[in-house]
């Protein structure tokens, strides 16, 4: 199964603004989104979901404010039905040009509708690499300029997995390679093919890593969740 950029399918993007630089790209975009003065019911619903801090750009705020029927349905779904936030937002606002970013560490929800801001979302995973390799104590190198937004998403999914360091403690460097089709392990360097990242999905890439690094085969209990 080919990979897709999840934000445009799910309409919701979990983020960690601590991975971003506030001076460029997606990080800069977030700093420019103003606080959203929602009505009390909507604000209470979002607090129950765990996001007391709300921000929205002008197009997204207009969608939320002007279509009272949709907001009412969103609030009804949340209480007493307690529909999960991501499913609720996607179901209610699927036909609208609005996206929801959930920054759980900072308990902040961003509602995004402006075209320039939506475009910035496509590069979130690339921009999140500003700090992630350093936090994992490894080097990211190679043909990273050839990665598509989907390729960056896959790379982020692999590196930001809670099991990555435990599964592959010997990896000190990840190199994105144009010259190989899959994965190659040259301790301490893990090489991953550009095309594999751009056109596959994280599950298939994890399987290839398990096969190459720890000798797993298809069907084995690979060291990552599917």
N, C-alpha and C. Protein backbone atom coordinates (compact mmCIF):
# COMPACT_ATOMS: atom_id res chain seq x y z
N UNK A 1 0.84 -1.21 0.00
CA UNK A 1 0.00 0.00 0.00
C UNK A 1 0.87 1.25 0.00
N UNK A 2 0.63 2.14 -0.96
CA UNK A 2 1.42 3.36 -1.05
C UNK A 2 1.09 4.31 0.09
N UNK A 3 2.05 5.11 0.46
CA UNK A 3 1.84 6.06 1.54
C UNK A 3 1.09 7.28 1.05
N UNK A 4 0.40 7.94 1.95
CA UNK A 4 -0.30 9.19 1.65
C UNK A 4 0.07 10.19 2.73
N UNK A 5 -0.11 11.46 2.42
CA UNK A 5 0.12 12.50 3.41
C UNK A 5 -1.12 12.56 4.30
N UNK A 6 -0.99 12.11 5.53
CA UNK A 6 -2.15 11.86 6.38
C UNK A 6 -3.00 13.09 6.65
N UNK A 7 -2.39 14.25 6.78
CA UNK A 7 -3.14 15.43 7.18
C UNK A 7 -4.28 15.72 6.21
N UNK A 8 -4.11 15.45 4.91
CA UNK A 8 -5.14 15.76 3.94
C UNK A 8 -6.19 14.67 3.82
N UNK A 9 -5.96 13.56 4.50
CA UNK A 9 -6.96 12.49 4.58
C UNK A 9 -7.71 12.58 5.89
N UNK A 10 -6.96 12.72 6.98
CA UNK A 10 -7.57 12.71 8.31
C UNK A 10 -8.04 14.09 8.76
N UNK A 11 -7.55 15.15 8.12
CA UNK A 11 -7.89 16.54 8.46
C UNK A 11 -7.33 16.99 9.80
N UNK A 12 -6.65 16.09 10.49
CA UNK A 12 -6.10 16.36 11.82
C UNK A 12 -4.62 15.97 11.82
N UNK A 13 -3.77 16.84 12.38
CA UNK A 13 -2.34 16.58 12.40
C UNK A 13 -1.81 16.69 13.83
N UNK A 14 -1.42 15.58 14.45
CA UNK A 14 -0.75 15.68 15.75
C UNK A 14 0.63 16.29 15.55
N UNK A 15 0.98 17.28 16.34
CA UNK A 15 2.27 17.94 16.19
C UNK A 15 2.95 18.06 17.54
N UNK A 16 4.22 18.40 17.49
CA UNK A 16 4.97 18.77 18.69
C UNK A 16 5.76 20.02 18.32
N UNK A 17 5.27 21.17 18.74
CA UNK A 17 5.91 22.43 18.36
C UNK A 17 7.31 22.55 18.94
N UNK A 18 7.61 21.73 19.95
CA UNK A 18 8.97 21.73 20.50
C UNK A 18 10.01 21.23 19.53
N UNK A 19 9.59 20.52 18.48
CA UNK A 19 10.51 20.04 17.45
C UNK A 19 10.80 21.10 16.39
N UNK A 20 10.03 22.19 16.39
CA UNK A 20 10.08 23.16 15.30
C UNK A 20 10.88 24.40 15.68
N UNK A 21 11.46 25.03 14.66
CA UNK A 21 12.05 26.34 14.85
C UNK A 21 10.95 27.38 14.70
N UNK A 22 10.81 28.31 15.64
CA UNK A 22 9.78 29.34 15.51
C UNK A 22 10.12 30.40 14.47
N UNK A 23 11.25 30.27 13.83
CA UNK A 23 11.70 31.30 12.89
C UNK A 23 11.45 30.94 11.42
N UNK A 24 11.13 29.67 11.14
CA UNK A 24 10.96 29.27 9.74
C UNK A 24 9.81 28.27 9.61
N UNK A 25 9.29 28.17 8.39
CA UNK A 25 8.37 27.10 8.03
C UNK A 25 7.15 26.97 8.91
N UNK A 26 6.84 25.74 9.23
CA UNK A 26 5.64 25.43 10.00
C UNK A 26 5.71 26.05 11.40
N UNK A 27 6.89 26.09 11.98
CA UNK A 27 7.03 26.71 13.30
C UNK A 27 6.70 28.18 13.29
N UNK A 28 7.16 28.90 12.26
CA UNK A 28 6.85 30.32 12.13
C UNK A 28 5.36 30.51 11.90
N UNK A 29 4.77 29.66 11.08
CA UNK A 29 3.34 29.75 10.82
C UNK A 29 2.54 29.65 12.12
N UNK A 30 2.92 28.73 13.00
CA UNK A 30 2.18 28.56 14.25
C UNK A 30 2.24 29.80 15.13
N UNK A 31 3.38 30.47 15.13
CA UNK A 31 3.52 31.66 15.98
C UNK A 31 2.62 32.79 15.51
N UNK A 32 2.18 32.75 14.26
CA UNK A 32 1.36 33.83 13.69
C UNK A 32 -0.13 33.57 13.80
N UNK A 33 -0.53 32.41 14.29
CA UNK A 33 -1.95 32.11 14.43
C UNK A 33 -2.46 32.68 15.75
N UNK A 34 -3.45 33.57 15.70
CA UNK A 34 -3.90 34.24 16.93
C UNK A 34 -4.78 33.34 17.80
N UNK A 35 -4.96 33.77 19.03
CA UNK A 35 -5.87 33.06 19.94
C UNK A 35 -7.28 33.08 19.37
N UNK A 36 -8.02 32.02 19.63
CA UNK A 36 -9.40 31.92 19.15
C UNK A 36 -10.36 32.09 20.32
N UNK A 37 -11.24 33.09 20.22
CA UNK A 37 -12.20 33.37 21.28
C UNK A 37 -13.49 32.61 20.98
N UNK A 38 -13.51 31.34 21.35
CA UNK A 38 -14.66 30.50 21.08
C UNK A 38 -15.76 30.75 22.09
N UNK A 39 -16.97 30.29 21.75
CA UNK A 39 -18.04 30.38 22.75
C UNK A 39 -17.75 29.41 23.89
N UNK A 40 -18.45 29.60 25.00
CA UNK A 40 -18.14 28.85 26.21
C UNK A 40 -18.33 27.36 26.04
N UNK A 41 -19.36 26.95 25.30
CA UNK A 41 -19.62 25.51 25.14
C UNK A 41 -18.50 24.85 24.36
N UNK A 42 -18.10 25.46 23.26
CA UNK A 42 -17.02 24.90 22.45
C UNK A 42 -15.72 24.87 23.25
N UNK A 43 -15.46 25.93 23.96
CA UNK A 43 -14.23 25.99 24.77
C UNK A 43 -14.25 24.89 25.84
N UNK A 44 -15.40 24.67 26.46
CA UNK A 44 -15.48 23.62 27.48
C UNK A 44 -15.28 22.24 26.87
N UNK A 45 -15.83 22.03 25.68
CA UNK A 45 -15.65 20.75 24.99
C UNK A 45 -14.17 20.50 24.71
N UNK A 46 -13.49 21.52 24.23
CA UNK A 46 -12.07 21.35 23.92
C UNK A 46 -11.25 21.14 25.19
N UNK A 47 -11.67 21.73 26.30
CA UNK A 47 -10.99 21.48 27.57
C UNK A 47 -11.14 20.02 27.98
N UNK A 48 -12.33 19.47 27.79
CA UNK A 48 -12.57 18.06 28.11
C UNK A 48 -11.67 17.18 27.24
N UNK A 49 -11.48 17.57 26.00
CA UNK A 49 -10.60 16.83 25.11
C UNK A 49 -9.12 17.00 25.48
N UNK A 50 -8.81 17.94 26.36
CA UNK A 50 -7.44 18.13 26.80
C UNK A 50 -6.72 19.28 26.14
N UNK A 51 -7.48 20.18 25.47
CA UNK A 51 -6.87 21.29 24.76
C UNK A 51 -7.53 22.61 25.17
N UNK A 52 -7.12 23.16 26.31
CA UNK A 52 -7.72 24.41 26.78
C UNK A 52 -7.25 25.63 26.00
N UNK A 53 -6.14 25.51 25.28
CA UNK A 53 -5.59 26.65 24.54
C UNK A 53 -5.99 26.53 23.06
N UNK A 54 -6.72 27.50 22.57
CA UNK A 54 -7.25 27.45 21.21
C UNK A 54 -6.70 28.60 20.38
N UNK A 55 -6.30 28.27 19.15
CA UNK A 55 -5.84 29.28 18.20
C UNK A 55 -6.46 28.99 16.84
N UNK A 56 -6.73 30.03 16.07
CA UNK A 56 -7.33 29.83 14.75
C UNK A 56 -6.97 31.00 13.85
N UNK A 57 -6.63 30.70 12.59
CA UNK A 57 -6.43 31.79 11.64
C UNK A 57 -7.80 32.28 11.18
N UNK A 58 -7.84 33.38 10.44
CA UNK A 58 -9.11 34.02 10.12
C UNK A 58 -10.06 33.12 9.33
N UNK A 59 -9.60 32.43 8.26
CA UNK A 59 -10.54 31.57 7.52
C UNK A 59 -11.11 30.45 8.39
N UNK A 60 -10.27 29.84 9.24
CA UNK A 60 -10.75 28.76 10.09
C UNK A 60 -11.73 29.28 11.14
N UNK A 61 -11.42 30.43 11.73
CA UNK A 61 -12.32 31.02 12.72
C UNK A 61 -13.68 31.37 12.09
N UNK A 62 -13.65 31.81 10.85
CA UNK A 62 -14.90 32.14 10.15
C UNK A 62 -15.74 30.88 9.96
N UNK A 63 -15.10 29.77 9.60
CA UNK A 63 -15.82 28.50 9.43
C UNK A 63 -16.45 28.08 10.75
N UNK A 64 -15.68 28.17 11.83
CA UNK A 64 -16.18 27.76 13.13
C UNK A 64 -17.32 28.66 13.61
N UNK A 65 -17.19 29.96 13.38
CA UNK A 65 -18.15 30.91 13.93
C UNK A 65 -19.45 30.99 13.13
N UNK A 66 -19.35 30.89 11.81
CA UNK A 66 -20.51 31.16 10.97
C UNK A 66 -21.43 29.96 10.78
N UNK A 67 -20.88 28.75 10.90
CA UNK A 67 -21.73 27.57 10.72
C UNK A 67 -22.06 26.99 12.09
N UNK A 68 -23.09 27.56 12.71
CA UNK A 68 -23.46 27.15 14.06
C UNK A 68 -23.96 25.71 14.11
N UNK A 69 -24.56 25.25 13.03
CA UNK A 69 -25.07 23.87 13.02
C UNK A 69 -23.93 22.87 13.14
N UNK A 70 -22.83 23.14 12.42
CA UNK A 70 -21.69 22.23 12.50
C UNK A 70 -21.06 22.27 13.89
N UNK A 71 -20.90 23.46 14.45
CA UNK A 71 -20.31 23.54 15.79
C UNK A 71 -21.21 22.85 16.81
N UNK A 72 -22.52 23.00 16.66
CA UNK A 72 -23.45 22.34 17.58
C UNK A 72 -23.31 20.82 17.46
N UNK A 73 -23.20 20.33 16.23
CA UNK A 73 -23.04 18.89 16.04
C UNK A 73 -21.73 18.39 16.64
N UNK A 74 -20.67 19.17 16.46
CA UNK A 74 -19.38 18.83 17.05
C UNK A 74 -19.49 18.70 18.56
N UNK A 75 -20.17 19.64 19.19
CA UNK A 75 -20.30 19.63 20.66
C UNK A 75 -21.20 18.48 21.11
N UNK A 76 -22.26 18.18 20.35
CA UNK A 76 -23.13 17.06 20.69
C UNK A 76 -22.37 15.74 20.61
N UNK A 77 -21.54 15.60 19.58
CA UNK A 77 -20.76 14.37 19.43
C UNK A 77 -19.80 14.16 20.60
N UNK A 78 -19.30 15.27 21.13
CA UNK A 78 -18.31 15.18 22.20
C UNK A 78 -18.94 14.83 23.54
N UNK A 79 -20.15 15.29 23.76
CA UNK A 79 -20.80 15.09 25.06
C UNK A 79 -22.31 14.98 24.85
N UNK A 80 -22.95 13.89 25.25
CA UNK A 80 -22.42 12.80 26.09
C UNK A 80 -21.81 11.64 25.32
N UNK A 81 -21.82 11.72 23.97
CA UNK A 81 -21.30 10.59 23.21
C UNK A 81 -19.81 10.36 23.37
N UNK A 82 -19.06 11.42 23.68
CA UNK A 82 -17.62 11.33 23.88
C UNK A 82 -16.90 10.70 22.68
N UNK A 83 -17.28 11.14 21.49
CA UNK A 83 -16.58 10.69 20.29
C UNK A 83 -15.15 11.22 20.32
N UNK A 84 -14.15 10.41 19.97
CA UNK A 84 -12.76 10.89 19.96
C UNK A 84 -12.62 12.17 19.14
N UNK A 85 -11.77 13.05 19.58
CA UNK A 85 -11.64 14.37 18.95
C UNK A 85 -11.32 14.28 17.48
N UNK A 86 -10.34 13.45 17.12
CA UNK A 86 -9.92 13.40 15.72
C UNK A 86 -11.06 12.90 14.84
N UNK A 87 -11.79 11.89 15.28
CA UNK A 87 -12.92 11.38 14.52
C UNK A 87 -14.04 12.40 14.46
N UNK A 88 -14.28 13.09 15.54
CA UNK A 88 -15.33 14.10 15.60
C UNK A 88 -15.06 15.24 14.63
N UNK A 89 -13.86 15.80 14.67
CA UNK A 89 -13.54 16.92 13.80
C UNK A 89 -13.61 16.51 12.33
N UNK A 90 -13.00 15.36 12.02
CA UNK A 90 -13.00 14.90 10.63
C UNK A 90 -14.41 14.67 10.12
N UNK A 91 -15.27 14.08 10.95
CA UNK A 91 -16.62 13.79 10.52
C UNK A 91 -17.47 15.03 10.32
N UNK A 92 -17.30 16.02 11.19
CA UNK A 92 -18.15 17.21 11.14
C UNK A 92 -17.66 18.21 10.10
N UNK A 93 -16.33 18.40 10.02
CA UNK A 93 -15.79 19.46 9.16
C UNK A 93 -15.11 18.92 7.90
N UNK A 94 -15.46 17.71 7.49
CA UNK A 94 -14.80 17.08 6.35
C UNK A 94 -14.98 17.86 5.05
N UNK A 95 -16.09 18.56 4.91
CA UNK A 95 -16.35 19.28 3.66
C UNK A 95 -15.83 20.72 3.69
N UNK A 96 -15.25 21.12 4.79
CA UNK A 96 -14.77 22.49 4.93
C UNK A 96 -13.25 22.55 4.76
N UNK A 97 -12.76 23.70 4.33
CA UNK A 97 -11.32 23.89 4.16
C UNK A 97 -10.69 24.29 5.49
N UNK A 98 -10.79 23.39 6.44
CA UNK A 98 -10.22 23.64 7.77
C UNK A 98 -9.53 22.39 8.26
N UNK A 99 -8.41 22.59 8.94
CA UNK A 99 -7.63 21.49 9.48
C UNK A 99 -7.34 21.78 10.95
N UNK A 100 -7.14 20.70 11.69
CA UNK A 100 -6.91 20.82 13.13
C UNK A 100 -5.54 20.26 13.47
N UNK A 101 -4.73 21.08 14.13
CA UNK A 101 -3.40 20.66 14.60
C UNK A 101 -3.46 20.51 16.11
N UNK A 102 -3.01 19.38 16.60
CA UNK A 102 -3.09 19.08 18.03
C UNK A 102 -1.70 18.99 18.62
N UNK A 103 -1.34 20.01 19.39
CA UNK A 103 -0.04 20.05 20.07
C UNK A 103 -0.26 19.59 21.51
N UNK A 104 -0.22 18.28 21.71
CA UNK A 104 -0.52 17.71 23.02
C UNK A 104 0.43 18.19 24.12
N UNK A 105 1.76 18.24 23.88
CA UNK A 105 2.65 18.70 24.95
C UNK A 105 2.29 20.09 25.49
N UNK A 106 1.79 20.96 24.63
CA UNK A 106 1.44 22.32 25.06
C UNK A 106 -0.07 22.53 25.21
N UNK A 107 -0.84 21.45 25.08
CA UNK A 107 -2.29 21.48 25.27
C UNK A 107 -2.94 22.57 24.42
N UNK A 108 -2.47 22.66 23.17
CA UNK A 108 -2.94 23.71 22.27
C UNK A 108 -3.49 23.10 20.99
N UNK A 109 -4.67 23.58 20.59
CA UNK A 109 -5.27 23.18 19.33
C UNK A 109 -5.25 24.36 18.37
N UNK A 110 -4.75 24.11 17.16
CA UNK A 110 -4.70 25.14 16.13
C UNK A 110 -5.70 24.77 15.03
N UNK A 111 -6.55 25.72 14.67
CA UNK A 111 -7.47 25.54 13.55
C UNK A 111 -6.93 26.35 12.38
N UNK A 112 -6.71 25.67 11.26
CA UNK A 112 -6.00 26.28 10.13
C UNK A 112 -6.87 26.21 8.88
N UNK A 113 -7.02 27.35 8.19
CA UNK A 113 -7.80 27.36 6.97
C UNK A 113 -7.18 28.16 5.84
N UNK A 114 -6.28 29.10 6.15
CA UNK A 114 -5.67 29.95 5.12
C UNK A 114 -4.82 29.11 4.18
N UNK A 115 -4.89 29.37 2.86
CA UNK A 115 -4.12 28.56 1.90
C UNK A 115 -2.63 28.47 2.22
N UNK A 116 -2.01 29.59 2.58
CA UNK A 116 -0.57 29.56 2.89
C UNK A 116 -0.29 28.70 4.12
N UNK A 117 -1.17 28.74 5.09
CA UNK A 117 -0.99 27.93 6.28
C UNK A 117 -1.21 26.45 5.99
N UNK A 118 -2.20 26.15 5.13
CA UNK A 118 -2.43 24.75 4.74
C UNK A 118 -1.23 24.22 3.99
N UNK A 119 -0.62 25.06 3.17
CA UNK A 119 0.57 24.65 2.44
C UNK A 119 1.71 24.34 3.40
N UNK A 120 1.85 25.13 4.44
CA UNK A 120 2.91 24.90 5.42
C UNK A 120 2.75 23.54 6.11
N UNK A 121 1.53 23.07 6.24
CA UNK A 121 1.29 21.78 6.89
C UNK A 121 1.96 20.63 6.14
N UNK A 122 2.08 20.78 4.81
CA UNK A 122 2.69 19.70 4.03
C UNK A 122 4.15 19.49 4.41
N UNK A 123 4.76 20.50 4.99
CA UNK A 123 6.18 20.40 5.34
C UNK A 123 6.41 20.23 6.85
N UNK A 124 5.36 19.91 7.59
CA UNK A 124 5.55 19.76 9.04
C UNK A 124 6.62 18.73 9.37
N UNK A 125 6.57 17.57 8.72
CA UNK A 125 7.50 16.49 9.08
C UNK A 125 8.94 16.85 8.71
N UNK A 126 9.11 17.57 7.63
CA UNK A 126 10.45 18.05 7.29
C UNK A 126 10.94 19.05 8.35
N UNK A 127 10.07 19.98 8.70
CA UNK A 127 10.47 21.01 9.66
C UNK A 127 10.70 20.42 11.06
N UNK A 128 9.99 19.33 11.38
CA UNK A 128 10.15 18.71 12.70
C UNK A 128 11.52 18.06 12.86
N UNK A 129 12.23 17.85 11.75
CA UNK A 129 13.57 17.29 11.83
C UNK A 129 14.60 18.32 12.30
N UNK A 130 14.14 19.54 12.58
CA UNK A 130 15.04 20.58 13.07
C UNK A 130 15.72 20.14 14.37
N UNK A 131 14.96 19.45 15.25
CA UNK A 131 15.51 19.05 16.54
C UNK A 131 15.49 17.54 16.79
N UNK A 132 14.65 16.80 16.06
CA UNK A 132 14.47 15.38 16.37
C UNK A 132 15.75 14.55 16.33
N UNK A 133 16.60 14.67 15.28
CA UNK A 133 17.83 13.87 15.28
C UNK A 133 18.71 14.14 16.50
N UNK A 134 18.80 15.40 16.89
CA UNK A 134 19.61 15.75 18.06
C UNK A 134 19.07 15.09 19.33
N UNK A 135 17.74 15.08 19.46
CA UNK A 135 17.12 14.47 20.63
C UNK A 135 17.39 12.97 20.69
N UNK A 136 17.50 12.35 19.52
CA UNK A 136 17.78 10.92 19.44
C UNK A 136 19.27 10.61 19.44
N UNK A 137 20.09 11.66 19.46
CA UNK A 137 21.55 11.50 19.47
C UNK A 137 22.04 10.74 18.24
N UNK A 138 21.56 11.16 17.08
CA UNK A 138 22.04 10.58 15.84
C UNK A 138 22.12 11.65 14.76
N UNK A 139 22.76 11.31 13.67
CA UNK A 139 22.97 12.24 12.56
C UNK A 139 22.07 11.83 11.40
N UNK A 140 21.43 12.79 10.77
CA UNK A 140 20.64 12.55 9.57
C UNK A 140 21.37 13.20 8.40
N UNK A 141 21.65 12.41 7.36
CA UNK A 141 22.44 12.92 6.24
C UNK A 141 21.98 12.26 4.94
N UNK A 142 22.72 12.54 3.86
CA UNK A 142 22.42 11.92 2.57
C UNK A 142 21.56 12.80 1.69
N UNK A 143 20.78 12.16 0.82
CA UNK A 143 19.99 12.87 -0.19
C UNK A 143 18.64 13.31 0.36
N UNK A 144 18.67 14.02 1.47
CA UNK A 144 17.41 14.42 2.10
C UNK A 144 16.66 15.44 1.25
N UNK A 145 17.37 16.17 0.38
CA UNK A 145 16.71 17.15 -0.47
C UNK A 145 15.82 16.50 -1.52
N UNK A 146 15.92 15.18 -1.68
CA UNK A 146 15.11 14.46 -2.66
C UNK A 146 13.86 13.85 -2.03
N UNK A 147 13.67 14.06 -0.74
CA UNK A 147 12.48 13.53 -0.08
C UNK A 147 11.25 14.39 -0.38
N UNK A 148 10.14 13.73 -0.64
CA UNK A 148 8.86 14.41 -0.79
C UNK A 148 8.23 14.58 0.60
N UNK A 149 7.13 15.33 0.72
CA UNK A 149 6.46 15.41 2.01
C UNK A 149 6.10 14.04 2.60
N UNK A 150 5.72 13.10 1.73
CA UNK A 150 5.43 11.74 2.20
C UNK A 150 6.71 11.07 2.71
N UNK A 151 7.82 11.29 2.02
CA UNK A 151 9.09 10.73 2.46
C UNK A 151 9.49 11.25 3.83
N UNK A 152 9.30 12.54 4.05
CA UNK A 152 9.59 13.12 5.36
C UNK A 152 8.65 12.55 6.43
N UNK A 153 7.40 12.36 6.06
CA UNK A 153 6.44 11.78 7.00
C UNK A 153 6.89 10.38 7.42
N UNK A 154 7.30 9.56 6.46
CA UNK A 154 7.78 8.21 6.77
C UNK A 154 9.01 8.24 7.66
N UNK A 155 9.94 9.12 7.33
CA UNK A 155 11.17 9.22 8.11
C UNK A 155 10.86 9.66 9.54
N UNK A 156 9.95 10.60 9.68
CA UNK A 156 9.53 11.06 11.00
C UNK A 156 8.86 9.93 11.78
N UNK A 157 7.98 9.17 11.11
CA UNK A 157 7.29 8.07 11.78
C UNK A 157 8.27 7.05 12.33
N UNK A 158 9.32 6.77 11.57
CA UNK A 158 10.32 5.78 11.99
C UNK A 158 11.13 6.31 13.16
N UNK A 159 11.64 7.52 13.04
CA UNK A 159 12.54 8.05 14.05
C UNK A 159 11.82 8.46 15.33
N UNK A 160 10.57 8.90 15.21
CA UNK A 160 9.84 9.38 16.37
C UNK A 160 9.07 8.26 17.07
N UNK A 161 9.28 7.02 16.64
CA UNK A 161 8.64 5.88 17.28
C UNK A 161 9.28 5.62 18.64
N UNK A 162 8.45 5.38 19.64
CA UNK A 162 8.95 5.19 21.00
C UNK A 162 9.90 4.01 21.10
N UNK A 163 9.79 3.04 20.18
CA UNK A 163 10.62 1.84 20.24
C UNK A 163 11.92 1.95 19.43
N UNK A 164 12.11 3.07 18.73
CA UNK A 164 13.24 3.14 17.80
C UNK A 164 14.58 2.92 18.48
N UNK A 165 14.84 3.66 19.55
CA UNK A 165 16.16 3.57 20.19
C UNK A 165 16.39 2.21 20.85
N UNK A 166 15.33 1.63 21.43
CA UNK A 166 15.48 0.31 22.04
C UNK A 166 15.71 -0.76 20.99
N UNK A 167 15.06 -0.63 19.85
CA UNK A 167 15.17 -1.64 18.81
C UNK A 167 16.50 -1.56 18.07
N UNK A 168 17.01 -0.34 17.89
CA UNK A 168 18.22 -0.14 17.10
C UNK A 168 19.23 0.73 17.85
N UNK A 169 19.74 0.25 18.95
CA UNK A 169 20.68 1.05 19.74
C UNK A 169 22.00 1.32 19.03
N UNK A 170 22.32 0.48 18.04
CA UNK A 170 23.60 0.64 17.35
C UNK A 170 23.60 1.68 16.25
N UNK A 171 22.44 2.24 15.92
CA UNK A 171 22.36 3.24 14.85
C UNK A 171 22.85 4.58 15.36
N UNK A 172 23.88 5.10 14.71
CA UNK A 172 24.40 6.43 15.05
C UNK A 172 24.14 7.44 13.94
N UNK A 173 23.81 6.93 12.77
CA UNK A 173 23.65 7.82 11.61
C UNK A 173 22.62 7.19 10.66
N UNK A 174 21.69 8.01 10.18
CA UNK A 174 20.76 7.58 9.14
C UNK A 174 21.08 8.36 7.88
N UNK A 175 21.31 7.63 6.80
CA UNK A 175 21.60 8.28 5.51
C UNK A 175 20.51 7.93 4.51
N UNK A 176 19.93 8.95 3.92
CA UNK A 176 18.96 8.77 2.86
C UNK A 176 19.73 8.61 1.55
N UNK A 177 19.52 7.48 0.87
CA UNK A 177 20.36 7.10 -0.27
C UNK A 177 19.54 7.01 -1.56
N UNK A 178 20.05 7.62 -2.62
CA UNK A 178 19.42 7.51 -3.93
C UNK A 178 19.87 6.26 -4.67
N UNK A 179 20.92 5.63 -4.20
CA UNK A 179 21.55 4.53 -4.95
C UNK A 179 21.11 3.14 -4.50
N UNK A 180 20.25 3.05 -3.49
CA UNK A 180 19.79 1.73 -3.05
C UNK A 180 18.26 1.69 -3.06
N UNK A 181 17.67 0.52 -3.33
CA UNK A 181 16.21 0.43 -3.42
C UNK A 181 15.51 0.27 -2.08
N UNK A 182 16.23 -0.23 -1.07
CA UNK A 182 15.55 -0.54 0.17
C UNK A 182 16.36 -0.04 1.37
N UNK A 183 16.84 -0.96 2.20
CA UNK A 183 17.57 -0.61 3.42
C UNK A 183 18.90 -1.37 3.43
N UNK A 184 19.95 -0.69 3.88
CA UNK A 184 21.26 -1.34 4.01
C UNK A 184 21.86 -0.93 5.36
N UNK A 185 22.39 -1.92 6.06
CA UNK A 185 22.96 -1.69 7.40
C UNK A 185 24.47 -1.82 7.31
N UNK A 186 25.14 -0.70 7.54
CA UNK A 186 26.61 -0.67 7.60
C UNK A 186 26.97 -0.03 8.94
N UNK A 187 26.97 -0.85 9.95
CA UNK A 187 27.14 -0.38 11.32
C UNK A 187 28.27 0.64 11.43
N UNK A 188 27.95 1.81 12.00
CA UNK A 188 26.74 2.26 12.71
C UNK A 188 25.79 3.07 11.84
N UNK A 189 25.87 2.90 10.50
CA UNK A 189 25.08 3.72 9.58
C UNK A 189 23.91 2.89 9.03
N UNK A 190 22.71 3.42 9.16
CA UNK A 190 21.52 2.82 8.57
C UNK A 190 21.18 3.62 7.31
N UNK A 191 21.26 2.95 6.15
CA UNK A 191 20.96 3.60 4.88
C UNK A 191 19.56 3.21 4.44
N UNK A 192 18.78 4.20 4.04
CA UNK A 192 17.40 3.97 3.59
C UNK A 192 17.22 4.62 2.23
N UNK A 193 16.68 3.87 1.28
CA UNK A 193 16.51 4.36 -0.08
C UNK A 193 15.49 5.48 -0.20
N UNK A 194 15.80 6.46 -1.03
CA UNK A 194 14.88 7.59 -1.26
C UNK A 194 13.53 7.10 -1.75
N UNK A 195 13.53 6.21 -2.75
CA UNK A 195 12.27 5.74 -3.31
C UNK A 195 11.44 4.96 -2.30
N UNK A 196 12.12 4.21 -1.43
CA UNK A 196 11.40 3.48 -0.39
C UNK A 196 10.66 4.46 0.51
N UNK A 197 11.33 5.53 0.90
CA UNK A 197 10.71 6.53 1.77
C UNK A 197 9.59 7.28 1.06
N UNK A 198 9.80 7.63 -0.19
CA UNK A 198 8.83 8.47 -0.90
C UNK A 198 7.59 7.71 -1.37
N UNK A 199 7.73 6.42 -1.65
CA UNK A 199 6.63 5.71 -2.30
C UNK A 199 6.08 4.53 -1.50
N UNK A 200 6.65 4.25 -0.36
CA UNK A 200 6.13 3.15 0.46
C UNK A 200 5.42 3.73 1.67
N UNK A 201 5.30 2.93 2.73
CA UNK A 201 4.71 3.42 3.97
C UNK A 201 5.56 2.98 5.14
N UNK A 202 5.31 3.54 6.29
CA UNK A 202 6.18 3.31 7.44
C UNK A 202 6.23 1.84 7.84
N UNK A 203 5.11 1.13 7.74
CA UNK A 203 5.09 -0.28 8.13
C UNK A 203 6.05 -1.09 7.26
N UNK A 204 6.00 -0.86 5.94
CA UNK A 204 6.88 -1.60 5.03
C UNK A 204 8.34 -1.24 5.27
N UNK A 205 8.61 0.02 5.57
CA UNK A 205 9.99 0.44 5.83
C UNK A 205 10.51 -0.18 7.11
N UNK A 206 9.67 -0.23 8.14
CA UNK A 206 10.07 -0.87 9.40
C UNK A 206 10.39 -2.35 9.18
N UNK A 207 9.57 -3.01 8.35
CA UNK A 207 9.83 -4.41 8.07
C UNK A 207 11.17 -4.59 7.36
N UNK A 208 11.46 -3.70 6.40
CA UNK A 208 12.74 -3.78 5.70
C UNK A 208 13.90 -3.53 6.66
N UNK A 209 13.73 -2.62 7.59
CA UNK A 209 14.77 -2.37 8.59
C UNK A 209 14.99 -3.58 9.48
N UNK A 210 13.89 -4.18 9.92
CA UNK A 210 14.01 -5.36 10.78
C UNK A 210 14.72 -6.50 10.06
N UNK A 211 14.40 -6.69 8.79
CA UNK A 211 15.02 -7.75 8.00
C UNK A 211 16.51 -7.52 7.84
N UNK A 212 16.89 -6.29 7.57
CA UNK A 212 18.28 -5.97 7.29
C UNK A 212 19.13 -5.90 8.56
N UNK A 213 18.60 -5.30 9.61
CA UNK A 213 19.41 -5.01 10.79
C UNK A 213 19.40 -6.15 11.80
N UNK A 214 18.22 -6.72 12.04
CA UNK A 214 18.15 -7.75 13.07
C UNK A 214 17.81 -9.13 12.51
N UNK A 215 17.81 -9.25 11.18
CA UNK A 215 17.64 -10.56 10.57
C UNK A 215 16.23 -11.07 10.57
N UNK A 216 15.24 -10.17 10.70
CA UNK A 216 13.86 -10.62 10.67
C UNK A 216 13.41 -10.94 9.26
N UNK A 217 12.33 -11.66 9.15
CA UNK A 217 11.72 -11.94 7.86
C UNK A 217 10.25 -11.59 7.95
N UNK A 218 9.61 -11.53 6.81
CA UNK A 218 8.20 -11.15 6.80
C UNK A 218 7.40 -12.11 7.67
N UNK A 219 6.60 -11.53 8.56
CA UNK A 219 5.82 -12.34 9.47
C UNK A 219 6.44 -12.43 10.84
N UNK A 220 7.72 -12.06 10.96
CA UNK A 220 8.34 -12.08 12.29
C UNK A 220 7.75 -10.98 13.16
N UNK A 221 7.99 -11.08 14.43
CA UNK A 221 7.56 -10.05 15.36
C UNK A 221 8.55 -8.91 15.30
N UNK A 222 8.30 -7.96 14.37
CA UNK A 222 9.24 -6.87 14.17
C UNK A 222 9.20 -5.92 15.36
N UNK A 223 10.28 -5.18 15.60
CA UNK A 223 10.39 -4.37 16.82
C UNK A 223 9.68 -3.04 16.76
N UNK A 224 8.66 -2.90 15.90
CA UNK A 224 7.86 -1.71 15.86
C UNK A 224 6.40 -2.12 15.77
N UNK A 225 5.51 -1.32 16.31
CA UNK A 225 4.09 -1.60 16.10
C UNK A 225 3.72 -1.32 14.67
N UNK A 226 2.70 -2.01 14.11
CA UNK A 226 2.29 -1.76 12.72
C UNK A 226 1.70 -0.36 12.56
